[in-house]
C-alpha cells in the first residue's frame, strides 16, 4: 500500500502527480526543480543557485515523508547542459554526503526551462 506525501515547504506539483510516494519502506520523490515554494516561481538563475533550491526542496519533501537526504539510496539527475556538470556536483555534494547511487543525464529541455532536475529514492 502506498501513501502520498505533501508539504507546503516544497513546490506544488505542476502536473497530475504527487511530490512523493511512500511505499515498501522507501520514499520515491518526484523530480524537483528550482521553484521557490514561497513564490511558486523559478527565481534562481545560475546552476549553483538552482541546484541549491532543488536540494532544499528535496530536503523538505523527504522530511515530510519521515525520511531525510542522508537516507537517500539513489538519485536521478537531469541537466539541461552537461557543461554544468562540475558546478552542479559542487552543490549536490554538499547535500548528498552519504554518496547514494546516482544517474546523471542530459535532457534536451526541462520543465519551466530550468537547468536541472533531481529525483530521489530514500529509506524511511
PDB file of N, CA and C in Angstrom:
ATOM      1  N   UNK A   1       0.839  -1.172   0.000  1.00  0.00           N
ATOM      2  CA  UNK A   1       0.000   0.000   0.000  1.00  0.00           C
ATOM      3  C   UNK A   1       0.891   1.245   0.000  1.00  0.00           C
ATOM      4  N   UNK A   2       0.537   2.222  -0.787  1.00  0.00           N
ATOM      5  CA  UNK A   2       1.332   3.439  -0.884  1.00  0.00           C
ATOM      6  C   UNK A   2       0.611   4.611  -0.232  1.00  0.00           C
ATOM      7  N   UNK A   3       1.408   5.616   0.125  1.00  0.00           N
ATOM      8  CA  UNK A   3       0.880   6.824   0.762  1.00  0.00           C
ATOM      9  C   UNK A   3       1.476   8.050   0.081  1.00  0.00           C
ATOM     10  N   UNK A   4       0.639   8.977  -0.311  1.00  0.00           N
ATOM     11  CA  UNK A   4       1.098  10.219  -0.943  1.00  0.00           C
ATOM     12  C   UNK A   4       1.713  11.136   0.107  1.00  0.00           C
ATOM     13  N   UNK A   5       2.706  11.915  -0.315  1.00  0.00           N
ATOM     14  CA  UNK A   5       3.393  12.860   0.564  1.00  0.00           C
ATOM     15  C   UNK A   5       3.159  14.266   0.039  1.00  0.00           C
ATOM     16  N   UNK A   6       2.858  15.189   0.959  1.00  0.00           N
ATOM     17  CA  UNK A   6       2.701  16.586   0.580  1.00  0.00           C
ATOM     18  C   UNK A   6       3.257  17.480   1.674  1.00  0.00           C
ATOM     19  N   UNK A   7       3.950  18.540   1.269  1.00  0.00           N
ATOM     20  CA  UNK A   7       4.387  19.587   2.185  1.00  0.00           C
ATOM     21  C   UNK A   7       4.274  20.939   1.501  1.00  0.00           C
ATOM     22  N   UNK A   8       3.883  21.932   2.253  1.00  0.00           N
ATOM     23  CA  UNK A   8       3.839  23.300   1.720  1.00  0.00           C
ATOM     24  C   UNK A   8       5.241  23.903   1.650  1.00  0.00           C
ATOM     25  N   UNK A   9       6.242  23.209   2.214  1.00  0.00           N
ATOM     26  CA  UNK A   9       7.619  23.690   2.215  1.00  0.00           C
ATOM     27  C   UNK A   9       8.382  23.337   0.941  1.00  0.00           C
ATOM     28  N   UNK A  10       7.685  22.731   0.003  1.00  0.00           N
ATOM     29  CA  UNK A  10       8.243  22.426  -1.322  1.00  0.00           C
ATOM     30  C   UNK A  10       7.188  22.837  -2.341  1.00  0.00           C
ATOM     31  N   UNK A  11       7.593  23.046  -3.586  1.00  0.00           N
ATOM     32  CA  UNK A  11       6.624  23.491  -4.598  1.00  0.00           C
ATOM     33  C   UNK A  11       5.517  22.462  -4.821  1.00  0.00           C
ATOM     34  N   UNK A  12       4.325  22.973  -5.096  1.00  0.00           N
ATOM     35  CA  UNK A  12       3.234  22.100  -5.508  1.00  0.00           C
ATOM     36  C   UNK A  12       3.599  21.442  -6.828  1.00  0.00           C
ATOM     37  N   UNK A  13       3.068  20.269  -7.047  1.00  0.00           N
ATOM     38  CA  UNK A  13       3.269  19.590  -8.325  1.00  0.00           C
ATOM     39  C   UNK A  13       2.697  20.464  -9.444  1.00  0.00           C
ATOM     40  N   UNK A  14       3.375  20.492 -10.574  1.00  0.00           N
ATOM     41  CA  UNK A  14       2.906  21.299 -11.702  1.00  0.00           C
ATOM     42  C   UNK A  14       2.176  20.434 -12.735  1.00  0.00           C
ATOM     43  N   UNK A  15       1.787  19.260 -12.299  1.00  0.00           N
ATOM     44  CA  UNK A  15       1.060  18.333 -13.156  1.00  0.00           C
ATOM     45  C   UNK A  15       0.314  17.334 -12.297  1.00  0.00           C
ATOM     46  N   UNK A  16      -0.244  16.294 -12.920  1.00  0.00           N
ATOM     47  CA  UNK A  16      -1.038  15.301 -12.188  1.00  0.00           C
ATOM     48  C   UNK A  16      -0.154  14.248 -11.504  1.00  0.00           C
ATOM     49  N   UNK A  17       0.592  14.658 -10.487  1.00  0.00           N
ATOM     50  CA  UNK A  17       1.462  13.756  -9.744  1.00  0.00           C
ATOM     51  C   UNK A  17       1.645  14.285  -8.328  1.00  0.00           C
ATOM     52  N   UNK A  18       2.226  13.454  -7.467  1.00  0.00           N
ATOM     53  CA  UNK A  18       2.474  13.804  -6.071  1.00  0.00           C
ATOM     54  C   UNK A  18       3.911  14.265  -5.897  1.00  0.00           C
ATOM     55  N   UNK A  19       4.166  15.017  -4.828  1.00  0.00           N
ATOM     56  CA  UNK A  19       5.543  15.413  -4.513  1.00  0.00           C
ATOM     57  C   UNK A  19       6.386  14.175  -4.243  1.00  0.00           C
ATOM     58  N   UNK A  20       5.766  13.176  -3.607  1.00  0.00           N
ATOM     59  CA  UNK A  20       6.449  11.917  -3.317  1.00  0.00           C
ATOM     60  C   UNK A  20       5.414  10.868  -2.950  1.00  0.00           C
ATOM     61  N   UNK A  21       5.870   9.615  -2.954  1.00  0.00           N
ATOM     62  CA  UNK A  21       5.036   8.495  -2.543  1.00  0.00           C
ATOM     63  C   UNK A  21       5.873   7.588  -1.648  1.00  0.00           C
ATOM     64  N   UNK A  22       5.289   7.189  -0.514  1.00  0.00           N
ATOM     65  CA  UNK A  22       5.934   6.224   0.374  1.00  0.00           C
ATOM     66  C   UNK A  22       5.374   4.841   0.057  1.00  0.00           C
ATOM     67  N   UNK A  23       6.271   3.864  -0.052  1.00  0.00           N
ATOM     68  CA  UNK A  23       5.847   2.504  -0.375  1.00  0.00           C
ATOM     69  C   UNK A  23       6.973   1.529  -0.024  1.00  0.00           C
ATOM     70  N   UNK A  24       6.633   0.447   0.652  1.00  0.00           N
ATOM     71  CA  UNK A  24       7.595  -0.615   0.899  1.00  0.00           C
ATOM     72  C   UNK A  24       8.852  -0.189   1.635  1.00  0.00           C
ATOM     73  N   UNK A  25       8.749   0.731   2.580  1.00  0.00           N
ATOM     74  CA  UNK A  25       9.921   1.141   3.347  1.00  0.00           C
ATOM     75  C   UNK A  25      10.787   2.190   2.673  1.00  0.00           C
ATOM     76  N   UNK A  26      10.308   2.705   1.555  1.00  0.00           N
ATOM     77  CA  UNK A  26      11.047   3.725   0.810  1.00  0.00           C
ATOM     78  C   UNK A  26      10.144   4.908   0.496  1.00  0.00           C
ATOM     79  N   UNK A  27      10.760   6.019   0.198  1.00  0.00           N
ATOM     80  CA  UNK A  27      10.043   7.175  -0.335  1.00  0.00           C
ATOM     81  C   UNK A  27      10.632   7.461  -1.705  1.00  0.00           C
ATOM     82  N   UNK A  28       9.762   7.685  -2.661  1.00  0.00           N
ATOM     83  CA  UNK A  28      10.132   7.980  -4.041  1.00  0.00           C
ATOM     84  C   UNK A  28       9.680   9.403  -4.327  1.00  0.00           C
ATOM     85  N   UNK A  29      10.628  10.324  -4.494  1.00  0.00           N
ATOM     86  CA  UNK A  29      10.233  11.705  -4.782  1.00  0.00           C
ATOM     87  C   UNK A  29      10.020  11.889  -6.271  1.00  0.00           C
ATOM     88  N   UNK A  30       9.140  12.794  -6.595  1.00  0.00           N
ATOM     89  CA  UNK A  30       9.056  13.247  -7.978  1.00  0.00           C
ATOM     90  C   UNK A  30      10.255  14.154  -8.225  1.00  0.00           C
ATOM     91  N   UNK A  31      10.557  14.387  -9.472  1.00  0.00           N
ATOM     92  CA  UNK A  31      11.662  15.288  -9.788  1.00  0.00           C
ATOM     93  C   UNK A  31      11.388  16.681  -9.248  1.00  0.00           C
ATOM     94  N   UNK A  32      12.370  17.241  -8.581  1.00  0.00           N
ATOM     95  CA  UNK A  32      12.253  18.597  -8.069  1.00  0.00           C
ATOM     96  C   UNK A  32      13.066  19.529  -8.959  1.00  0.00           C
ATOM     97  N   UNK A  33      12.476  20.679  -9.231  1.00  0.00           N
ATOM     98  CA  UNK A  33      13.183  21.720  -9.973  1.00  0.00           C
ATOM     99  C   UNK A  33      13.305  22.933  -9.061  1.00  0.00           C
ATOM    100  N   UNK A  34      13.913  23.991  -9.551  1.00  0.00           N
ATOM    101  CA  UNK A  34      14.272  25.145  -8.713  1.00  0.00           C
ATOM    102  C   UNK A  34      13.131  26.134  -8.517  1.00  0.00           C
ATOM    103  N   UNK A  35      11.944  25.628  -8.232  1.00  0.00           N
ATOM    104  CA  UNK A  35      10.825  26.512  -7.915  1.00  0.00           C
ATOM    105  C   UNK A  35      10.908  26.863  -6.433  1.00  0.00           C
ATOM    106  N   UNK A  36      10.850  28.130  -6.130  1.00  0.00           N
ATOM    107  CA  UNK A  36      10.810  28.587  -4.744  1.00  0.00           C
ATOM    108  C   UNK A  36       9.381  28.358  -4.242  1.00  0.00           C
ATOM    109  N   UNK A  37       9.202  27.549  -3.181  1.00  0.00           N
ATOM    110  CA  UNK A  37       7.841  27.262  -2.737  1.00  0.00           C
ATOM    111  C   UNK A  37       7.084  28.489  -2.216  1.00  0.00           C
ATOM    112  N   UNK A  38       7.809  29.485  -1.737  1.00  0.00           N
ATOM    113  CA  UNK A  38       7.155  30.691  -1.221  1.00  0.00           C
ATOM    114  C   UNK A  38       6.516  31.515  -2.334  1.00  0.00           C
ATOM    115  N   UNK A  39       7.195  31.591  -3.485  1.00  0.00           N
ATOM    116  CA  UNK A  39       6.682  32.408  -4.584  1.00  0.00           C
ATOM    117  C   UNK A  39       6.027  31.589  -5.686  1.00  0.00           C
ATOM    118  N   UNK A  40       6.371  30.305  -5.757  1.00  0.00           N
ATOM    119  CA  UNK A  40       5.845  29.456  -6.822  1.00  0.00           C
ATOM    120  C   UNK A  40       6.502  29.697  -8.173  1.00  0.00           C
ATOM    121  N   UNK A  41       7.649  30.386  -8.154  1.00  0.00           N
ATOM    122  CA  UNK A  41       8.342  30.689  -9.405  1.00  0.00           C
ATOM    123  C   UNK A  41       9.806  30.259  -9.334  1.00  0.00           C
ATOM    124  N   UNK A  42      10.427  30.183 -10.499  1.00  0.00           N
ATOM    125  CA  UNK A  42      11.861  29.918 -10.589  1.00  0.00           C
ATOM    126  C   UNK A  42      12.576  31.263 -10.468  1.00  0.00           C
ATOM    127  N   UNK A  43      13.257  31.464  -9.374  1.00  0.00           N
ATOM    128  CA  UNK A  43      13.950  32.732  -9.132  1.00  0.00           C
ATOM    129  C   UNK A  43      15.450  32.613  -9.375  1.00  0.00           C
ATOM    130  N   UNK A  44      15.998  31.437  -9.093  1.00  0.00           N
ATOM    131  CA  UNK A  44      17.436  31.215  -9.229  1.00  0.00           C
ATOM    132  C   UNK A  44      17.830  31.192 -10.703  1.00  0.00           C
ATOM    133  N   UNK A  45      18.956  31.776 -11.020  1.00  0.00           N
ATOM    134  CA  UNK A  45      19.393  31.874 -12.414  1.00  0.00           C
ATOM    135  C   UNK A  45      20.559  30.954 -12.757  1.00  0.00           C
ATOM    136  N   UNK A  46      21.534  30.817 -11.855  1.00  0.00           N
ATOM    137  CA  UNK A  46      22.721  30.013 -12.160  1.00  0.00           C
ATOM    138  C   UNK A  46      22.478  28.554 -11.799  1.00  0.00           C
ATOM    139  N   UNK A  47      23.290  27.671 -12.328  1.00  0.00           N
ATOM    140  CA  UNK A  47      23.167  26.246 -11.997  1.00  0.00           C
ATOM    141  C   UNK A  47      23.401  26.034 -10.513  1.00  0.00           C
ATOM    142  N   UNK A  48      24.309  26.786  -9.912  1.00  0.00           N
ATOM    143  CA  UNK A  48      24.568  26.647  -8.476  1.00  0.00           C
ATOM    144  C   UNK A  48      23.338  27.057  -7.665  1.00  0.00           C
ATOM    145  N   UNK A  49      22.745  28.179  -7.998  1.00  0.00           N
ATOM    146  CA  UNK A  49      21.552  28.652  -7.289  1.00  0.00           C
ATOM    147  C   UNK A  49      20.380  27.693  -7.477  1.00  0.00           C
ATOM    148  N   UNK A  50      20.214  27.203  -8.692  1.00  0.00           N
ATOM    149  CA  UNK A  50      19.114  26.278  -8.955  1.00  0.00           C
ATOM    150  C   UNK A  50      19.324  24.958  -8.222  1.00  0.00           C
ATOM    151  N   UNK A  51      20.534  24.452  -8.208  1.00  0.00           N
ATOM    152  CA  UNK A  51      20.814  23.199  -7.510  1.00  0.00           C
ATOM    153  C   UNK A  51      20.571  23.359  -6.014  1.00  0.00           C
ATOM    154  N   UNK A  52      20.946  24.490  -5.464  1.00  0.00           N
ATOM    155  CA  UNK A  52      20.698  24.786  -4.046  1.00  0.00           C
ATOM    156  C   UNK A  52      19.190  24.726  -3.752  1.00  0.00           C
ATOM    157  N   UNK A  53      18.370  25.361  -4.584  1.00  0.00           N
ATOM    158  CA  UNK A  53      16.921  25.352  -4.377  1.00  0.00           C
ATOM    159  C   UNK A  53      16.355  23.947  -4.539  1.00  0.00           C
ATOM    160  N   UNK A  54      16.840  23.213  -5.518  1.00  0.00           N
ATOM    161  CA  UNK A  54      16.398  21.833  -5.721  1.00  0.00           C
ATOM    162  C   UNK A  54      16.667  21.004  -4.469  1.00  0.00           C
ATOM    163  N   UNK A  55      17.861  21.119  -3.927  1.00  0.00           N
ATOM    164  CA  UNK A  55      18.228  20.335  -2.744  1.00  0.00           C
ATOM    165  C   UNK A  55      17.393  20.737  -1.536  1.00  0.00           C
ATOM    166  N   UNK A  56      17.111  22.011  -1.379  1.00  0.00           N
ATOM    167  CA  UNK A  56      16.231  22.464  -0.284  1.00  0.00           C
ATOM    168  C   UNK A  56      14.836  21.869  -0.458  1.00  0.00           C
ATOM    169  N   UNK A  57      14.332  21.863  -1.679  1.00  0.00           N
ATOM    170  CA  UNK A  57      13.010  21.287  -1.953  1.00  0.00           C
ATOM    171  C   UNK A  57      13.005  19.791  -1.632  1.00  0.00           C
ATOM    172  N   UNK A  58      14.050  19.090  -2.036  1.00  0.00           N
ATOM    173  CA  UNK A  58      14.125  17.657  -1.757  1.00  0.00           C
ATOM    174  C   UNK A  58      14.196  17.390  -0.261  1.00  0.00           C
ATOM    175  N   UNK A  59      14.952  18.186   0.470  1.00  0.00           N
ATOM    176  CA  UNK A  59      15.028  18.031   1.926  1.00  0.00           C
ATOM    177  C   UNK A  59      13.643  18.182   2.549  1.00  0.00           C
ATOM    178  N   UNK A  60      12.876  19.161   2.094  1.00  0.00           N
ATOM    179  CA  UNK A  60      11.536  19.398   2.636  1.00  0.00           C
ATOM    180  C   UNK A  60      10.602  18.226   2.343  1.00  0.00           C
ATOM    181  N   UNK A  61      10.643  17.706   1.131  1.00  0.00           N
ATOM    182  CA  UNK A  61       9.781  16.580   0.760  1.00  0.00           C
ATOM    183  C   UNK A  61      10.176  15.334   1.550  1.00  0.00           C
ATOM    184  N   UNK A  62      11.457  15.060   1.639  1.00  0.00           N
ATOM    185  CA  UNK A  62      11.917  13.880   2.371  1.00  0.00           C
ATOM    186  C   UNK A  62      11.564  13.981   3.853  1.00  0.00           C
ATOM    187  N   UNK A  63      11.714  15.162   4.426  1.00  0.00           N
ATOM    188  CA  UNK A  63      11.350  15.366   5.827  1.00  0.00           C
ATOM    189  C   UNK A  63       9.854  15.128   6.036  1.00  0.00           C
ATOM    190  N   UNK A  64       9.033  15.634   5.134  1.00  0.00           N
ATOM    191  CA  UNK A  64       7.586  15.433   5.235  1.00  0.00           C
ATOM    192  C   UNK A  64       7.217  13.953   5.158  1.00  0.00           C
ATOM    193  N   UNK A  65       8.047  13.183   4.482  1.00  0.00           N
ATOM    194  CA  UNK A  65       7.808  11.742   4.341  1.00  0.00           C
ATOM    195  C   UNK A  65       8.317  10.951   5.543  1.00  0.00           C
ATOM    196  N   UNK A  66       9.054  11.625   6.439  1.00  0.00           N
ATOM    197  CA  UNK A  66       9.636  10.927   7.580  1.00  0.00           C
ATOM    198  C   UNK A  66      11.000  10.355   7.281  1.00  0.00           C
ATOM    199  N   UNK A  67      11.659  10.901   6.295  1.00  0.00           N
ATOM    200  CA  UNK A  67      12.990  10.449   5.894  1.00  0.00           C
ATOM    201  C   UNK A  67      13.927  11.666   5.910  1.00  0.00           C
ATOM    202  N   UNK A  68      15.044  11.530   5.243  1.00  0.00           N
ATOM    203  CA  UNK A  68      15.981  12.656   5.128  1.00  0.00           C
ATOM    204  C   UNK A  68      16.905  12.423   3.945  1.00  0.00           C
ATOM    205  N   UNK A  69      17.601  13.457   3.576  1.00  0.00           N
ATOM    206  CA  UNK A  69      18.535  13.363   2.451  1.00  0.00           C
ATOM    207  C   UNK A  69      19.676  12.397   2.767  1.00  0.00           C
ATOM    208  N   UNK A  70      19.975  12.224   4.067  1.00  0.00           N
ATOM    209  CA  UNK A  70      21.025  11.283   4.476  1.00  0.00           C
ATOM    210  C   UNK A  70      20.619   9.828   4.266  1.00  0.00           C
ATOM    211  N   UNK A  71      19.319   9.582   4.068  1.00  0.00           N
ATOM    212  CA  UNK A  71      18.829   8.223   3.840  1.00  0.00           C
ATOM    213  C   UNK A  71      18.626   7.925   2.358  1.00  0.00           C
ATOM    214  N   UNK A  72      19.067   8.837   1.494  1.00  0.00           N
ATOM    215  CA  UNK A  72      18.947   8.628   0.047  1.00  0.00           C
ATOM    216  C   UNK A  72      19.779   7.423  -0.370  1.00  0.00           C
ATOM    217  N   UNK A  73      19.196   6.569  -1.205  1.00  0.00           N
ATOM    218  CA  UNK A  73      19.927   5.420  -1.730  1.00  0.00           C
ATOM    219  C   UNK A  73      20.169   5.530  -3.236  1.00  0.00           C
ATOM    220  N   UNK A  74      19.374   6.363  -3.914  1.00  0.00           N
ATOM    221  CA  UNK A  74      19.523   6.525  -5.367  1.00  0.00           C
ATOM    222  C   UNK A  74      18.969   7.872  -5.783  1.00  0.00           C
ATOM    223  N   UNK A  75      19.697   8.555  -6.626  1.00  0.00           N
ATOM    224  CA  UNK A  75      19.195   9.787  -7.222  1.00  0.00           C
ATOM    225  C   UNK A  75      19.289   9.676  -8.738  1.00  0.00           C
ATOM    226  N   UNK A  76      18.403  10.382  -9.392  1.00  0.00           N
ATOM    227  CA  UNK A  76      18.479  10.534 -10.836  1.00  0.00           C
ATOM    228  C   UNK A  76      18.491  12.035 -11.098  1.00  0.00           C
ATOM    229  N   UNK A  77      19.511  12.471 -11.811  1.00  0.00           N
ATOM    230  CA  UNK A  77      19.728  13.898 -12.057  1.00  0.00           C
ATOM    231  C   UNK A  77      19.641  14.169 -13.549  1.00  0.00           C
ATOM    232  N   UNK A  78      18.984  15.257 -13.884  1.00  0.00           N
ATOM    233  CA  UNK A  78      18.833  15.667 -15.272  1.00  0.00           C
ATOM    234  C   UNK A  78      19.427  17.065 -15.410  1.00  0.00           C
ATOM    235  N   UNK A  79      20.305  17.244 -16.362  1.00  0.00           N
ATOM    236  CA  UNK A  79      20.915  18.548 -16.620  1.00  0.00           C
ATOM    237  C   UNK A  79      20.565  18.994 -18.032  1.00  0.00           C
ATOM    238  N   UNK A  80      20.239  20.263 -18.172  1.00  0.00           N
ATOM    239  CA  UNK A  80      19.958  20.811 -19.500  1.00  0.00           C
ATOM    240  C   UNK A  80      21.241  20.925 -20.316  1.00  0.00           C
ATOM    241  N   UNK A  81      22.383  21.029 -19.629  1.00  0.00           N
ATOM    242  CA  UNK A  81      23.668  21.197 -20.314  1.00  0.00           C
ATOM    243  C   UNK A  81      24.756  20.504 -19.504  1.00  0.00           C
ATOM    244  N   UNK A  82      25.386  19.491 -20.065  1.00  0.00           N
ATOM    245  CA  UNK A  82      26.435  18.763 -19.357  1.00  0.00           C
ATOM    246  C   UNK A  82      27.651  19.641 -19.044  1.00  0.00           C
ATOM    247  N   UNK A  83      27.736  20.792 -19.640  1.00  0.00           N
ATOM    248  CA  UNK A  83      28.804  21.731 -19.286  1.00  0.00           C
ATOM    249  C   UNK A  83      28.640  22.211 -17.834  1.00  0.00           C
ATOM    250  N   UNK A  84      27.440  22.055 -17.276  1.00  0.00           N
ATOM    251  CA  UNK A  84      27.166  22.439 -15.880  1.00  0.00           C
ATOM    252  C   UNK A  84      27.472  21.331 -14.884  1.00  0.00           C
ATOM    253  N   UNK A  85      27.968  20.195 -15.352  1.00  0.00           N
ATOM    254  CA  UNK A  85      28.173  19.008 -14.517  1.00  0.00           C
ATOM    255  C   UNK A  85      29.023  19.301 -13.277  1.00  0.00           C
ATOM    256  N   UNK A  86      30.155  19.934 -13.434  1.00  0.00           N
ATOM    257  CA  UNK A  86      31.055  20.205 -12.296  1.00  0.00           C
ATOM    258  C   UNK A  86      30.416  21.166 -11.298  1.00  0.00           C
ATOM    259  N   UNK A  87      29.800  22.222 -11.773  1.00  0.00           N
ATOM    260  CA  UNK A  87      29.167  23.194 -10.882  1.00  0.00           C
ATOM    261  C   UNK A  87      27.976  22.556 -10.154  1.00  0.00           C
ATOM    262  N   UNK A  88      27.215  21.740 -10.854  1.00  0.00           N
ATOM    263  CA  UNK A  88      26.102  21.003 -10.242  1.00  0.00           C
ATOM    264  C   UNK A  88      26.628  20.098  -9.130  1.00  0.00           C
ATOM    265  N   UNK A  89      27.686  19.336  -9.421  1.00  0.00           N
ATOM    266  CA  UNK A  89      28.267  18.415  -8.451  1.00  0.00           C
ATOM    267  C   UNK A  89      28.762  19.125  -7.203  1.00  0.00           C
ATOM    268  N   UNK A  90      29.279  20.326  -7.361  1.00  0.00           N
ATOM    269  CA  UNK A  90      29.793  21.094  -6.225  1.00  0.00           C
ATOM    270  C   UNK A  90      28.696  21.302  -5.182  1.00  0.00           C
ATOM    271  N   UNK A  91      27.518  21.710  -5.611  1.00  0.00           N
ATOM    272  CA  UNK A  91      26.404  21.944  -4.685  1.00  0.00           C
ATOM    273  C   UNK A  91      25.784  20.620  -4.255  1.00  0.00           C
ATOM    274  N   UNK A  92      25.524  19.735  -5.198  1.00  0.00           N
ATOM    275  CA  UNK A  92      24.932  18.419  -4.920  1.00  0.00           C
ATOM    276  C   UNK A  92      25.730  17.698  -3.835  1.00  0.00           C
ATOM    277  N   UNK A  93      27.050  17.733  -3.932  1.00  0.00           N
ATOM    278  CA  UNK A  93      27.924  17.037  -2.992  1.00  0.00           C
ATOM    279  C   UNK A  93      27.837  17.560  -1.568  1.00  0.00           C
ATOM    280  N   UNK A  94      27.465  18.815  -1.396  1.00  0.00           N
ATOM    281  CA  UNK A  94      27.301  19.371  -0.046  1.00  0.00           C
ATOM    282  C   UNK A  94      26.049  18.814   0.631  1.00  0.00           C
ATOM    283  N   UNK A  95      25.076  18.417  -0.140  1.00  0.00           N
ATOM    284  CA  UNK A  95      23.830  17.872   0.405  1.00  0.00           C
ATOM    285  C   UNK A  95      23.856  16.347   0.501  1.00  0.00           C
ATOM    286  N   UNK A  96      24.303  15.690  -0.542  1.00  0.00           N
ATOM    287  CA  UNK A  96      24.283  14.232  -0.594  1.00  0.00           C
ATOM    288  C   UNK A  96      25.627  13.673  -0.119  1.00  0.00           C
ATOM    289  N   UNK A  97      25.912  13.906   1.159  1.00  0.00           N
ATOM    290  CA  UNK A  97      27.202  13.499   1.728  1.00  0.00           C
ATOM    291  C   UNK A  97      27.308  11.991   1.899  1.00  0.00           C
ATOM    292  N   UNK A  98      26.168  11.282   1.911  1.00  0.00           N
ATOM    293  CA  UNK A  98      26.201   9.822   2.035  1.00  0.00           C
ATOM    294  C   UNK A  98      26.537   9.143   0.710  1.00  0.00           C
ATOM    295  N   UNK A  99      26.641   9.923  -0.343  1.00  0.00           N
ATOM    296  CA  UNK A  99      27.005   9.432  -1.682  1.00  0.00           C
ATOM    297  C   UNK A  99      26.138   8.261  -2.162  1.00  0.00           C
ATOM    298  N   UNK A 100      24.837   8.518  -2.350  1.00  0.00           N
ATOM    299  CA  UNK A 100      23.958   7.459  -2.860  1.00  0.00           C
ATOM    300  C   UNK A 100      24.310   7.104  -4.305  1.00  0.00           C
ATOM    301  N   UNK A 101      23.793   5.969  -4.768  1.00  0.00           N
ATOM    302  CA  UNK A 101      23.936   5.625  -6.182  1.00  0.00           C
ATOM    303  C   UNK A 101      23.286   6.752  -6.992  1.00  0.00           C
ATOM    304  N   UNK A 102      23.779   6.971  -8.221  1.00  0.00           N
ATOM    305  CA  UNK A 102      23.255   8.104  -8.983  1.00  0.00           C
ATOM    306  C   UNK A 102      23.381   7.866 -10.483  1.00  0.00           C
ATOM    307  N   UNK A 103      22.416   8.380 -11.202  1.00  0.00           N
ATOM    308  CA  UNK A 103      22.498   8.522 -12.651  1.00  0.00           C
ATOM    309  C   UNK A 103      22.391  10.006 -12.942  1.00  0.00           C
ATOM    310  N   UNK A 104      23.110  10.471 -13.952  1.00  0.00           N
ATOM    311  CA  UNK A 104      23.033  11.870 -14.351  1.00  0.00           C
ATOM    312  C   UNK A 104      23.049  11.910 -15.872  1.00  0.00           C
ATOM    313  N   UNK A 105      21.991  12.473 -16.426  1.00  0.00           N
ATOM    314  CA  UNK A 105      21.855  12.509 -17.878  1.00  0.00           C
ATOM    315  C   UNK A 105      21.529  13.918 -18.353  1.00  0.00           C
ATOM    316  N   UNK A 106      21.852  14.164 -19.594  1.00  0.00           N
ATOM    317  CA  UNK A 106      21.470  15.433 -20.220  1.00  0.00           C
ATOM    318  C   UNK A 106      20.055  15.288 -20.759  1.00  0.00           C
ATOM    319  N   UNK A 107      19.282  16.327 -20.576  1.00  0.00           N
ATOM    320  CA  UNK A 107      17.917  16.369 -21.098  1.00  0.00           C
ATOM    321  C   UNK A 107      17.823  17.557 -22.043  1.00  0.00           C
ATOM    322  N   UNK A 108      17.182  17.361 -23.165  1.00  0.00           N
ATOM    323  CA  UNK A 108      17.089  18.434 -24.152  1.00  0.00           C
ATOM    324  C   UNK A 108      16.435  19.675 -23.576  1.00  0.00           C
ATOM    325  N   UNK A 109      15.359  19.477 -22.800  1.00  0.00           N
ATOM    326  CA  UNK A 109      14.669  20.597 -22.174  1.00  0.00           C
ATOM    327  C   UNK A 109      13.973  20.092 -20.932  1.00  0.00           C
ATOM    328  N   UNK A 110      13.976  20.911 -19.877  1.00  0.00           N
ATOM    329  CA  UNK A 110      13.344  20.559 -18.614  1.00  0.00           C
ATOM    330  C   UNK A 110      12.161  21.484 -18.355  1.00  0.00           C
ATOM    331  N   UNK A 111      11.236  21.076 -17.484  1.00  0.00           N
ATOM    332  CA  UNK A 111      10.078  21.929 -17.191  1.00  0.00           C
ATOM    333  C   UNK A 111      10.493  23.336 -16.762  1.00  0.00           C
ATOM    334  N   UNK A 112       9.720  24.306 -17.187  1.00  0.00           N
ATOM    335  CA  UNK A 112       9.964  25.721 -16.851  1.00  0.00           C
ATOM    336  C   UNK A 112      11.337  26.210 -17.315  1.00  0.00           C
ATOM    337  N   UNK A 113      11.952  25.483 -18.245  1.00  0.00           N
ATOM    338  CA  UNK A 113      13.275  25.828 -18.788  1.00  0.00           C
ATOM    339  C   UNK A 113      14.362  25.941 -17.723  1.00  0.00           C
ATOM    340  N   UNK A 114      14.245  25.123 -16.661  1.00  0.00           N
ATOM    341  CA  UNK A 114      15.262  25.125 -15.627  1.00  0.00           C
ATOM    342  C   UNK A 114      16.519  24.420 -16.128  1.00  0.00           C
ATOM    343  N   UNK A 115      17.578  24.534 -15.349  1.00  0.00           N
ATOM    344  CA  UNK A 115      18.869  23.976 -15.733  1.00  0.00           C
ATOM    345  C   UNK A 115      19.076  22.557 -15.206  1.00  0.00           C
ATOM    346  N   UNK A 116      18.284  22.155 -14.179  1.00  0.00           N
ATOM    347  CA  UNK A 116      18.460  20.830 -13.578  1.00  0.00           C
ATOM    348  C   UNK A 116      17.166  20.356 -12.932  1.00  0.00           C
ATOM    349  N   UNK A 117      17.102  19.046 -12.744  1.00  0.00           N
ATOM    350  CA  UNK A 117      16.001  18.401 -12.021  1.00  0.00           C
ATOM    351  C   UNK A 117      16.587  17.173 -11.346  1.00  0.00           C
ATOM    352  N   UNK A 118      16.120  16.889 -10.119  1.00  0.00           N
ATOM    353  CA  UNK A 118      16.643  15.733  -9.365  1.00  0.00           C
ATOM    354  C   UNK A 118      15.479  15.007  -8.700  1.00  0.00           C
ATOM    355  N   UNK A 119      15.502  13.660  -8.790  1.00  0.00           N
ATOM    356  CA  UNK A 119      14.561  12.834  -8.061  1.00  0.00           C
ATOM    357  C   UNK A 119      15.356  11.894  -7.158  1.00  0.00           C
ATOM    358  N   UNK A 120      14.704  11.459  -6.065  1.00  0.00           N
ATOM    359  CA  UNK A 120      15.398  10.675  -5.042  1.00  0.00           C
ATOM    360  C   UNK A 120      14.565   9.470  -4.619  1.00  0.00           C
ATOM    361  N   UNK A 121      15.250   8.376  -4.351  1.00  0.00           N
ATOM    362  CA  UNK A 121      14.679   7.247  -3.637  1.00  0.00           C
ATOM    363  C   UNK A 121      15.437   7.177  -2.312  1.00  0.00           C
ATOM    364  N   UNK A 122      14.693   7.163  -1.201  1.00  0.00           N
ATOM    365  CA  UNK A 122      15.325   7.144   0.122  1.00  0.00           C
ATOM    366  C   UNK A 122      14.630   6.134   1.019  1.00  0.00           C
ATOM    367  N   UNK A 123      15.364   5.637   1.992  1.00  0.00           N
ATOM    368  CA  UNK A 123      14.788   4.774   3.008  1.00  0.00           C
ATOM    369  C   UNK A 123      13.954   5.595   3.969  1.00  0.00           C
ATOM    370  N   UNK A 124      12.941   4.974   4.522  1.00  0.00           N
ATOM    371  CA  UNK A 124      12.117   5.643   5.535  1.00  0.00           C
ATOM    372  C   UNK A 124      12.719   5.438   6.910  1.00  0.00           C
TER     373      UNK A 124
END
